[in-house]
Protein backbone atom coordinates (compact mmCIF):
# COMPACT_ATOMS: atom_id res chain seq x y z
CA MET A 1 101.85 99.97 134.75
CA ASN A 2 101.37 98.69 131.18
CA ILE A 3 101.02 101.28 128.44
CA LEU A 4 99.46 100.31 125.08
CA THR A 5 100.39 102.27 121.90
CA PHE A 6 99.92 101.93 118.14
CA ASP A 7 101.94 103.72 115.42
CA ILE A 8 99.65 104.59 112.55
CA GLU A 9 101.37 105.24 109.25
CA GLU A 10 100.47 102.34 106.90
CA TRP A 11 97.90 104.24 104.76
CA PHE A 12 100.46 107.01 104.12
CA ILE A 13 103.29 104.59 103.39
CA GLU A 14 101.03 102.65 100.90
CA LYS A 15 100.22 105.91 99.11
CA GLU A 16 103.67 107.28 98.95
CA PHE A 17 105.84 104.21 98.46
CA SER A 18 103.88 100.99 97.77
CA GLY A 19 101.43 101.61 94.87
CA ASN A 20 98.37 103.29 96.34
CA ARG A 21 96.41 100.02 96.27
CA GLY A 22 92.83 100.15 97.33
CA GLU A 23 92.86 96.52 98.57
CA LYS A 24 95.63 97.42 101.00
CA TYR A 25 93.69 100.33 102.44
CA ALA A 26 90.71 98.04 103.03
CA GLU A 27 92.99 95.53 104.71
CA TYR A 28 94.43 98.18 107.07
CA GLN A 29 90.94 99.38 107.87
CA ALA A 30 89.75 95.87 108.63
CA TYR A 31 92.55 95.36 111.13
CA LEU A 32 92.10 98.83 112.70
CA ASP A 33 88.42 97.90 113.16
CA LYS A 34 89.48 94.64 114.88
CA ILE A 35 91.78 96.52 117.21
CA LEU A 36 89.18 99.18 118.08
CA ASN A 37 86.55 96.49 118.65
CA LEU A 38 88.91 94.59 120.93
CA LEU A 39 89.80 97.66 122.93
CA GLU A 40 86.04 98.40 123.36
CA GLN A 41 85.34 94.88 124.51
CA THR A 42 88.10 95.07 127.10
CA SER A 43 87.40 98.68 128.22
CA THR A 44 90.99 99.55 127.22
CA LYS A 45 92.21 102.88 126.07
CA ALA A 46 95.39 103.23 124.02
CA THR A 47 97.48 106.04 122.41
CA PHE A 48 97.61 106.03 118.69
CA PHE A 49 100.66 107.88 117.22
CA CYS A 50 99.55 109.09 113.79
CA VAL A 51 101.73 110.72 111.10
CA GLY A 52 100.57 114.23 110.28
CA LYS A 53 99.87 113.32 106.68
CA MET A 54 97.24 110.91 107.88
CA ALA A 55 95.31 113.98 109.05
CA THR A 56 95.29 115.49 105.60
CA LEU A 57 95.35 112.37 103.32
CA PHE A 58 93.15 109.96 105.35
CA PRO A 59 91.34 112.15 107.92
CA ASP A 60 88.53 109.69 108.53
CA VAL A 61 90.99 107.07 109.91
CA VAL A 62 92.25 109.45 112.53
CA LYS A 63 88.82 110.80 113.36
CA ASN A 64 87.52 107.25 113.83
CA ILE A 65 90.26 106.52 116.37
CA ALA A 66 89.60 109.64 118.26
CA ALA A 67 85.81 109.07 118.18
CA ASN A 68 86.35 105.79 120.01
CA GLY A 69 87.86 107.74 122.93
CA HIS A 70 91.63 106.96 122.32
CA GLU A 71 94.43 109.51 122.63
CA ILE A 72 95.89 110.73 119.36
CA GLY A 73 99.66 111.39 119.46
CA CYS A 74 102.07 112.80 116.89
CA HIS A 75 104.34 110.43 114.92
CA SER A 76 106.06 113.07 112.78
CA ASN A 77 104.59 114.39 109.54
CA VAL A 78 106.05 112.16 106.75
CA HIS A 79 107.64 109.37 108.83
CA THR A 80 111.26 110.37 108.15
CA TRP A 81 113.78 109.34 110.87
CA LEU A 82 114.71 112.36 113.01
CA ASN A 83 118.34 111.30 112.96
CA LYS A 84 118.33 111.86 109.19
CA MET A 85 117.00 115.49 109.60
CA THR A 86 118.64 118.74 110.59
CA GLU A 87 117.25 120.57 113.57
CA LYS A 88 115.47 123.01 111.21
CA GLU A 89 113.90 120.27 109.17
CA ALA A 90 112.71 118.45 112.28
CA LEU A 91 111.12 121.61 113.66
CA GLU A 92 109.26 122.30 110.37
CA ASP A 93 108.20 118.56 110.16
CA THR A 94 106.89 118.52 113.70
CA ARG A 95 105.06 121.88 113.49
CA ILE A 96 103.24 120.76 110.38
CA ALA A 97 102.29 117.37 111.87
CA VAL A 98 101.11 118.83 115.15
CA ASP A 99 99.03 121.48 113.46
CA SER A 100 97.46 119.11 111.01
CA LEU A 101 96.39 116.65 113.73
CA GLU A 102 95.11 119.40 116.15
CA GLN A 103 93.10 121.00 113.39
CA LEU A 104 91.47 117.69 112.54
CA ILE A 105 90.54 116.48 116.02
CA GLY A 106 90.26 119.68 117.82
CA LYS A 107 92.63 118.70 120.65
CA LYS A 108 96.10 119.73 121.52
CA MET A 109 98.92 117.27 120.72
CA LEU A 110 100.75 116.44 123.98
CA SER A 111 102.35 113.05 123.16
CA TYR A 112 104.92 112.25 120.48
CA ARG A 113 106.85 109.24 119.19
CA ALA A 114 109.63 109.59 116.61
CA PRO A 115 109.67 107.19 113.66
CA ALA A 116 111.87 104.15 114.43
CA PHE A 117 112.67 105.64 117.86
CA SER A 118 115.16 107.90 116.11
CA ILE A 119 116.13 110.08 118.96
CA GLY A 120 119.54 109.39 120.35
CA GLU A 121 122.90 110.77 121.66
CA ASP A 122 123.52 112.79 118.43
CA ASN A 123 120.19 114.59 118.12
CA LYS A 124 119.16 115.38 121.70
CA TRP A 125 118.18 118.82 120.43
CA THR A 126 114.93 117.11 119.38
CA PHE A 127 113.63 117.65 122.85
CA GLU A 128 113.77 121.39 122.35
CA VAL A 129 111.98 120.99 119.05
CA LEU A 130 109.24 118.97 120.70
CA ALA A 131 108.76 121.44 123.57
CA GLU A 132 108.64 124.34 121.04
CA CYS A 133 105.82 122.60 119.29
CA GLY A 134 103.89 122.03 122.54
CA ILE A 135 104.74 118.44 123.18
CA GLU A 136 104.87 117.54 126.83
CA ARG A 137 105.50 113.77 126.78
CA ASP A 138 107.58 111.60 124.60
CA ALA A 139 107.80 107.86 123.84
CA SER A 140 110.74 107.84 121.48
CA ILE A 141 113.72 106.54 123.56
CA PHE A 142 114.94 103.06 122.83
CA PRO A 143 117.53 102.56 125.65
CA ALA A 144 119.67 100.00 123.82
CA THR A 145 121.54 99.64 120.51
CA ARG A 146 119.46 98.99 117.46
CA ASP A 147 119.59 99.19 113.61
CA PHE A 148 118.54 102.88 113.53
CA GLY A 149 120.62 104.05 116.39
CA GLY A 150 118.96 103.56 119.78
CA PHE A 151 120.12 105.45 122.85
CA SER A 152 122.12 102.90 124.71
CA SER A 153 123.64 105.43 127.16
CA PHE A 154 120.17 106.67 128.35
CA GLY A 155 120.22 104.41 131.42
CA HIS A 156 116.53 104.33 132.32
CA LYS A 157 113.81 101.84 131.68
CA GLU A 158 111.00 103.71 133.43
CA PRO A 159 109.29 107.11 133.08
CA VAL A 160 111.78 109.90 133.66
CA MET A 161 111.80 113.67 133.51
CA ILE A 162 114.32 114.79 130.92
CA THR A 163 116.00 118.25 131.13
CA TYR A 164 117.89 119.48 128.02
CA ASN A 165 119.09 123.15 127.82
CA GLY A 166 116.45 124.15 130.27
CA THR A 167 113.64 122.32 128.39
CA GLN A 168 111.69 119.61 130.22
CA ILE A 169 109.92 116.60 128.61
CA LYS A 170 108.31 113.63 130.32
CA GLU A 171 109.89 110.65 128.79
CA PHE A 172 108.22 107.07 128.50
CA PRO A 173 111.14 104.89 127.17
CA ILE A 174 110.67 101.45 125.61
CA CYS A 175 111.36 98.71 128.07
CA THR A 176 114.19 96.20 127.55
CA THR A 177 115.39 93.00 129.17
CA GLY A 178 118.83 91.30 129.26
CA LEU A 179 119.30 88.40 126.84
CA LEU A 180 122.61 86.82 125.98
CA GLY A 181 124.47 89.67 127.32
CA LYS A 182 122.55 92.27 125.45
CA GLN A 183 119.62 94.58 126.18
CA VAL A 184 116.75 93.89 123.89
CA ALA A 185 113.10 95.03 123.57
CA PHE A 186 110.33 92.44 123.83
CA SER A 187 106.97 94.23 124.00
CA GLY A 188 106.37 95.50 120.52
CA GLY A 189 107.03 95.45 116.77
CA GLY A 190 109.24 92.72 115.45
CA TYR A 191 110.34 91.81 118.97
CA PHE A 192 106.81 90.92 119.90
CA ARG A 193 106.49 88.81 116.88
CA PHE A 194 109.83 87.08 117.50
CA PHE A 195 109.29 86.12 121.20
CA PRO A 196 106.70 83.61 122.45
CA LEU A 197 103.84 85.19 124.31
CA TRP A 198 104.70 83.53 127.61
CA PHE A 199 108.07 85.25 127.50
CA VAL A 200 106.51 88.68 126.80
CA GLU A 201 104.01 88.23 129.62
CA ASN A 202 106.72 87.02 132.11
CA GLU A 203 108.93 90.04 131.35
CA MET A 204 105.92 92.46 131.68
CA LYS A 205 105.17 90.91 135.11
CA LYS A 206 108.75 91.29 136.33
CA ALA A 207 108.81 95.04 135.79
CA PRO A 208 106.64 97.82 137.34
CA TYR A 209 106.46 99.50 133.84
CA SER A 210 106.19 98.35 130.28
CA MET A 211 105.55 100.11 127.04
CA CYS A 212 103.90 98.05 124.26
CA TYR A 213 103.88 99.31 120.68
CA PHE A 214 102.38 97.87 117.60
CA HIS A 215 101.91 98.64 113.90
CA ILE A 216 99.01 97.36 111.86
CA GLY A 217 101.64 96.07 109.45
CA ASP A 218 102.96 93.83 112.23
CA LEU A 219 99.61 92.13 112.46
CA LEU A 220 98.81 91.26 108.85
CA PRO A 221 99.26 87.57 108.19
CA GLU A 222 100.75 87.74 104.69
CA THR A 223 104.38 88.52 104.08
CA SER A 224 105.78 91.35 101.99
CA GLY A 225 108.37 90.92 99.26
CA VAL A 226 112.01 92.02 99.27
CA MET A 227 112.16 95.79 98.58
CA SER A 228 113.72 97.04 95.38
CA LYS A 229 117.12 98.84 95.80
CA GLU A 230 115.50 102.14 94.67
CA GLY A 231 112.44 101.81 97.00
CA TYR A 232 114.68 100.85 99.94
CA GLU A 233 116.88 103.86 99.45
CA GLU A 234 114.02 106.26 99.00
CA TYR A 235 112.30 105.09 102.16
CA PHE A 236 115.13 104.33 104.52
CA LYS A 237 117.57 106.96 103.30
CA GLU A 238 120.48 104.51 103.27
CA LYS A 239 122.22 102.09 100.78
CA GLY A 240 119.93 99.42 99.53
CA THR A 241 122.46 96.65 99.54
CA LEU A 242 121.16 93.12 99.18
CA LEU A 243 122.15 92.40 102.75
CA ASN A 244 120.33 95.46 104.04
CA ARG A 245 117.18 94.55 102.04
CA TYR A 246 117.12 90.92 103.10
CA LYS A 247 117.69 91.91 106.77
CA ARG A 248 114.76 94.22 106.54
CA TYR A 249 112.68 91.53 104.79
CA PHE A 250 113.35 89.07 107.69
CA LYS A 251 112.62 91.62 110.40
CA SER A 252 109.43 92.79 108.64
CA ASN A 253 107.89 89.31 108.14
CA PHE A 254 109.05 86.90 110.91
CA GLY A 255 106.25 85.74 113.09
CA LYS A 256 103.44 87.61 111.34
CA LYS A 257 101.08 84.64 110.93
CA ASN A 258 100.36 84.44 114.66
CA ALA A 259 100.84 88.06 115.60
CA TRP A 260 97.15 89.04 115.80
CA ASN A 261 96.29 86.09 117.98
CA LYS A 262 99.17 86.89 120.37
CA LEU A 263 98.02 90.55 120.57
CA GLU A 264 94.41 89.60 121.17
CA LYS A 265 95.49 87.27 124.02
CA LEU A 266 97.82 89.87 125.49
CA ILE A 267 95.18 92.58 125.67
CA LYS A 268 92.55 90.27 127.07
CA THR A 269 94.86 89.07 129.89
CA GLN A 270 96.70 92.25 130.78
CA GLN A 271 95.57 95.64 132.04
CA PHE A 272 96.68 98.57 129.88
CA LEU A 273 96.57 102.33 130.01
CA SER A 274 96.96 105.02 127.34
CA LEU A 275 99.97 107.39 127.65
CA GLU A 276 97.56 110.09 128.69
CA GLN A 277 96.09 107.91 131.51
CA ALA A 278 99.52 106.78 132.61
CA ASN A 279 100.75 110.32 132.80
CA ALA A 280 97.84 111.27 135.14
CA THR A 281 98.76 108.47 137.57
CA ILE A 282 102.38 109.41 137.91
CA ASP A 283 103.80 111.82 140.60
CA TRP A 284 106.53 113.37 138.42
CA SER A 285 108.17 115.05 141.39
CA ARG A 286 109.20 111.61 142.54
CA CYS A 287 110.39 110.31 139.20
CA PRO A 288 114.07 110.06 138.16
CA GLN A 289 115.53 113.19 136.67
CA LYS A 290 117.71 112.89 133.53
CA LEU A 291 119.88 115.79 132.56
CA LEU A 292 121.06 115.45 128.98
């Protein structure tokens, strides 16, 4: 089972943090059109996790995705990491995002992904927040260590039913593989850009489940500059040291020139499902149970 997802926030990030440039919106739209055309050609459905502000600031983008028959999921309201929020703040953010997206497309939000996979050991209360907002399935767990936390103690690389304080959520974690003694992701974001396509495909074939995730920003061929200290701290909510900014520059730009060609080949050679479709194929009574 291969699941295909896209995180849609670039329009909002451009407006709020990067200058509100019309040429960037046109570029994002061109790549979204390429993605939607490719999915139509291959009869593939995907889940597009959209930030709530996309529904209010760029509603036509979200409606276009939905009109092409793809699932719309929630990706928070303003793309702030959940591990930088209080429980009250996260609840308000999620409620606003879910309501905005539901009002726009006229369908209930059932799927969610946290920005930067920012659900971990220290904010497991997020699952109660999601359930309170009507979310039934989550794709936020990164079961390894990473810059923004991760959840290395999670212990599952396949769909699992989470129970936390009596709340149940269907979890679709990111898949990882062992490499040089560490667990690393391989099927999305900067990891997909870093590894050769043959490696990604081989890892996907080894496992009965894989979760692929992409941003339009991952696919643009040009590189971005090093962020200013002020811009970095405003967006990432952490110290904008020179080291942190150059690490982010490298991770944001490595492998971008060939990323679209790799994605196109992957979608044309592999079979994918949306999160909604995958959920319908799973007998959840037989899935692993995870008590947090």
